[in-house]
C-alpha cells in the first residue's frame, strides 16, 4: 500500500481505545522474547485507556499524539514533544531538546510506510519548534526498531538505563538524531 492512502491526524478521544489496543498488540508482537511473558500478560487495557483518555482530554502543551489511519482504521501512532528526564541517567541538556516518546505500527502494517510517515511528520514538527537535539529511548534487542531509527538518521549515543515495566527490568538505550554512534 502507498503512504498516499494514509490520513495523519491528531488522536481524538474517540480513537483512544483503538490506539491502546494497537499499542498492546505491538508490544506483544515486537517484544516477544525480549520482555518476559508475565510482564506482557500484566498489561492492563483498561488502565491504559484511562491514561490515554486523560492525556487526550488535558494534553500537556509540550506533548503531541498523532495517528495514521487507512480506510478508517488506525494503523499506527506516534507521541512526541519536549525531552523527558525520567529515563535520562545524566540529565544532560534535558530541557533543550525534543523526544520521540513512542512510535508503533500495527504488525499487519509493518513495512507499509505508516510509521515512516508519522516519524517524518513528528521530526518536522519538532524542528519547527526548535527542539534540538531530538532523542528517543528504545528497548535493547529490538532490531526492527533499531533499523527503523537508523533509517531516520538516529544513532546510539551511548546513554543506557533500565526501564521497570510490570516488574521486569528492561535495558533501554538512547538514540539521538544525527549523533555519532556511541
Protein backbone atom coordinates (compact mmCIF):
# COMPACT_ATOMS: atom_id res chain seq x y z
CA UNK A 1 0.00 0.00 0.00
CA UNK A 2 1.20 3.50 -0.63
CA UNK A 3 1.51 6.17 2.01
CA UNK A 4 -0.82 8.35 -0.07
CA UNK A 5 -3.70 6.27 1.31
CA UNK A 6 -2.81 7.38 4.84
CA UNK A 7 -4.56 10.06 6.79
CA UNK A 8 -2.34 11.55 9.50
CA UNK A 9 -4.15 13.48 12.20
CA UNK A 10 -4.16 14.17 15.94
CA UNK A 11 -5.51 11.44 18.20
CA UNK A 12 -9.10 12.26 19.23
CA UNK A 13 -10.99 10.93 22.23
CA UNK A 14 -12.93 8.51 20.01
CA UNK A 15 -9.62 7.00 18.84
CA UNK A 16 -8.24 6.15 22.28
CA UNK A 17 -9.42 2.54 22.55
CA UNK A 18 -8.21 1.68 19.02
CA UNK A 19 -4.82 3.27 19.71
CA UNK A 20 -4.40 1.45 23.03
CA UNK A 21 -5.42 -1.89 21.51
CA UNK A 22 -2.89 -1.34 18.71
CA UNK A 23 -0.23 -0.42 21.28
CA UNK A 24 -0.83 -3.63 23.24
CA UNK A 25 -0.76 -5.73 20.03
CA UNK A 26 2.53 -4.10 19.06
CA UNK A 27 4.13 -4.82 22.43
CA UNK A 28 3.14 -8.47 22.18
CA UNK A 29 4.45 -8.80 18.61
CA UNK A 30 7.57 -6.65 18.78
CA UNK A 31 8.76 -7.61 22.25
CA UNK A 32 8.04 -11.35 22.31
CA UNK A 33 11.24 -12.92 23.60
CA UNK A 34 12.61 -9.54 24.76
CA UNK A 35 10.08 -8.85 27.51
CA UNK A 36 9.04 -11.63 29.91
CA UNK A 37 5.62 -13.08 29.12
CA UNK A 38 4.47 -12.27 32.65
CA UNK A 39 5.15 -8.56 32.09
CA UNK A 40 3.32 -8.59 28.75
CA UNK A 41 0.41 -10.50 30.30
CA UNK A 42 0.20 -7.88 33.07
CA UNK A 43 -0.57 -5.06 30.62
CA UNK A 44 -3.88 -3.55 31.70
CA UNK A 45 -6.01 -2.40 28.77
CA UNK A 46 -8.46 -0.52 30.98
CA UNK A 47 -5.73 1.38 32.82
CA UNK A 48 -4.01 2.24 29.54
CA UNK A 49 -7.27 3.51 28.03
CA UNK A 50 -7.84 5.73 31.08
CA UNK A 51 -4.29 7.14 30.90
CA UNK A 52 -4.69 7.90 27.19
CA UNK A 53 -8.12 9.49 27.74
CA UNK A 54 -6.66 11.82 30.37
CA UNK A 55 -3.80 12.69 28.01
CA UNK A 56 -6.14 13.47 25.14
CA UNK A 57 -8.63 15.43 27.27
CA UNK A 58 -5.97 17.50 29.05
CA UNK A 59 -2.78 17.28 26.99
CA UNK A 60 0.39 18.93 28.23
CA UNK A 61 1.22 21.86 25.96
CA UNK A 62 4.56 20.28 25.03
CA UNK A 63 3.28 16.77 24.14
CA UNK A 64 1.68 15.63 20.89
CA UNK A 65 -0.14 12.48 19.70
CA UNK A 66 -0.72 11.66 16.04
CA UNK A 67 -2.16 8.62 14.35
CA UNK A 68 -2.10 7.20 10.86
CA UNK A 69 -5.40 5.93 9.57
CA UNK A 70 -6.00 3.82 6.49
CA UNK A 71 -9.56 3.15 5.26
CA UNK A 72 -10.97 4.22 8.61
CA UNK A 73 -8.70 2.03 10.76
CA UNK A 74 -5.87 3.19 13.00
CA UNK A 75 -2.69 1.56 11.68
CA UNK A 76 0.00 3.47 13.60
CA UNK A 77 0.58 6.21 16.14
CA UNK A 78 3.38 8.41 17.42
CA UNK A 79 3.80 10.50 20.55
CA UNK A 80 6.45 13.19 20.82
CA UNK A 81 7.35 16.51 22.40
CA UNK A 82 9.96 18.02 24.69
CA UNK A 83 12.62 15.73 26.10
CA UNK A 84 11.63 13.92 29.31
CA UNK A 85 14.21 13.45 32.04
CA UNK A 86 12.64 10.36 33.60
CA UNK A 87 14.84 7.83 31.77
CA UNK A 88 17.90 10.03 31.38
CA UNK A 89 20.75 8.81 33.61
CA UNK A 90 22.74 12.05 33.35
CA UNK A 91 20.02 14.66 32.68
CA UNK A 92 22.30 16.25 30.08
CA UNK A 93 20.67 19.09 28.17
CA UNK A 94 17.27 17.61 29.00
CA UNK A 95 15.31 20.85 28.76
CA UNK A 96 16.77 21.80 25.39
CA UNK A 97 15.67 19.01 23.11
CA UNK A 98 12.82 17.03 21.67
CA UNK A 99 11.90 13.40 22.02
CA UNK A 100 10.01 10.72 20.20
CA UNK A 101 8.25 9.00 23.10
CA UNK A 102 6.67 6.17 21.16
CA UNK A 103 6.06 5.12 17.57
CA UNK A 104 4.15 1.94 16.85
CA UNK A 105 2.57 0.45 13.75
CA UNK A 106 0.14 -2.42 13.79
CA UNK A 107 2.11 -5.58 12.99
CA UNK A 108 -0.12 -6.05 9.93
CA UNK A 109 1.01 -2.58 8.76
CA UNK A 110 4.76 -3.13 9.24
CA UNK A 111 6.60 -2.14 6.08
CA UNK A 112 3.69 -0.15 4.61
CA UNK A 113 5.11 3.32 5.29
CA UNK A 114 2.74 4.30 8.09
CA UNK A 115 5.48 4.54 10.72
CA UNK A 116 7.75 6.38 8.29
CA UNK A 117 5.05 8.95 7.53
CA UNK A 118 4.42 9.57 11.23
CA UNK A 119 8.14 9.81 12.07
CA UNK A 120 8.73 12.26 9.21
CA UNK A 121 5.80 14.40 10.37
CA UNK A 122 6.89 14.38 14.03
CA UNK A 123 10.53 15.19 13.24
CA UNK A 124 9.46 18.11 11.05
CA UNK A 125 7.25 19.45 13.85
CA UNK A 126 10.00 19.11 16.48
CA UNK A 127 12.37 21.00 14.17
CA UNK A 128 9.73 23.71 13.63
CA UNK A 129 9.54 24.06 17.42
CA UNK A 130 13.33 24.50 17.53
CA UNK A 131 13.81 21.43 19.72
CA UNK A 132 17.31 20.06 19.33
CA UNK A 133 18.75 17.54 19.79
CA UNK A 134 15.97 15.04 19.13
CA UNK A 135 16.27 11.78 21.03
CA UNK A 136 14.39 8.58 21.74
CA UNK A 137 14.78 5.57 24.01
CA UNK A 138 14.43 2.02 22.70
CA UNK A 139 14.42 -1.46 24.15
CA UNK A 140 17.74 -3.21 23.63
CA UNK A 141 17.49 -6.14 21.23
CA UNK A 142 14.62 -4.73 19.18
CA UNK A 143 16.41 -4.97 15.84
CA UNK A 144 13.40 -3.99 13.72
CA UNK A 145 13.06 -0.72 15.65
CA UNK A 146 16.82 -0.10 15.56
CA UNK A 147 16.83 -0.39 11.75
CA UNK A 148 13.85 1.98 11.56
CA UNK A 149 15.57 4.59 13.74
CA UNK A 150 18.83 4.30 11.81
CA UNK A 151 16.97 4.88 8.52
CA UNK A 152 15.62 8.11 10.01
CA UNK A 153 19.09 9.38 10.93
CA UNK A 154 19.21 8.36 14.59
CA UNK A 155 22.26 6.69 16.13
CA UNK A 156 23.00 5.27 19.53
CA UNK A 157 24.60 7.98 21.67
CA UNK A 158 25.92 5.75 24.46
CA UNK A 159 23.35 6.54 27.18
CA UNK A 160 21.71 3.49 28.73
CA UNK A 161 19.37 2.80 31.62
CA UNK A 162 16.77 0.30 32.79
CA UNK A 163 13.01 0.66 32.44
CA UNK A 164 10.81 -1.01 35.05
CA UNK A 165 7.82 -2.46 33.21
CA UNK A 166 5.29 -4.56 35.11
CA UNK A 167 8.01 -5.93 37.37
CA UNK A 168 10.52 -6.59 34.59
CA UNK A 169 13.77 -4.65 34.33
CA UNK A 170 14.23 -3.83 30.67
CA UNK A 171 17.51 -2.41 29.34
CA UNK A 172 16.96 0.60 27.10
CA UNK A 173 19.38 2.71 25.09
CA UNK A 174 19.13 6.26 23.83
CA UNK A 175 19.32 7.27 20.20
CA UNK A 176 19.96 10.81 19.03
CA UNK A 177 19.19 12.28 15.63
CA UNK A 178 22.45 12.84 13.80
CA UNK A 179 24.57 11.60 16.71
CA UNK A 180 27.82 9.79 16.15
CA UNK A 181 27.35 6.18 17.14
CA UNK A 182 28.23 5.82 20.80
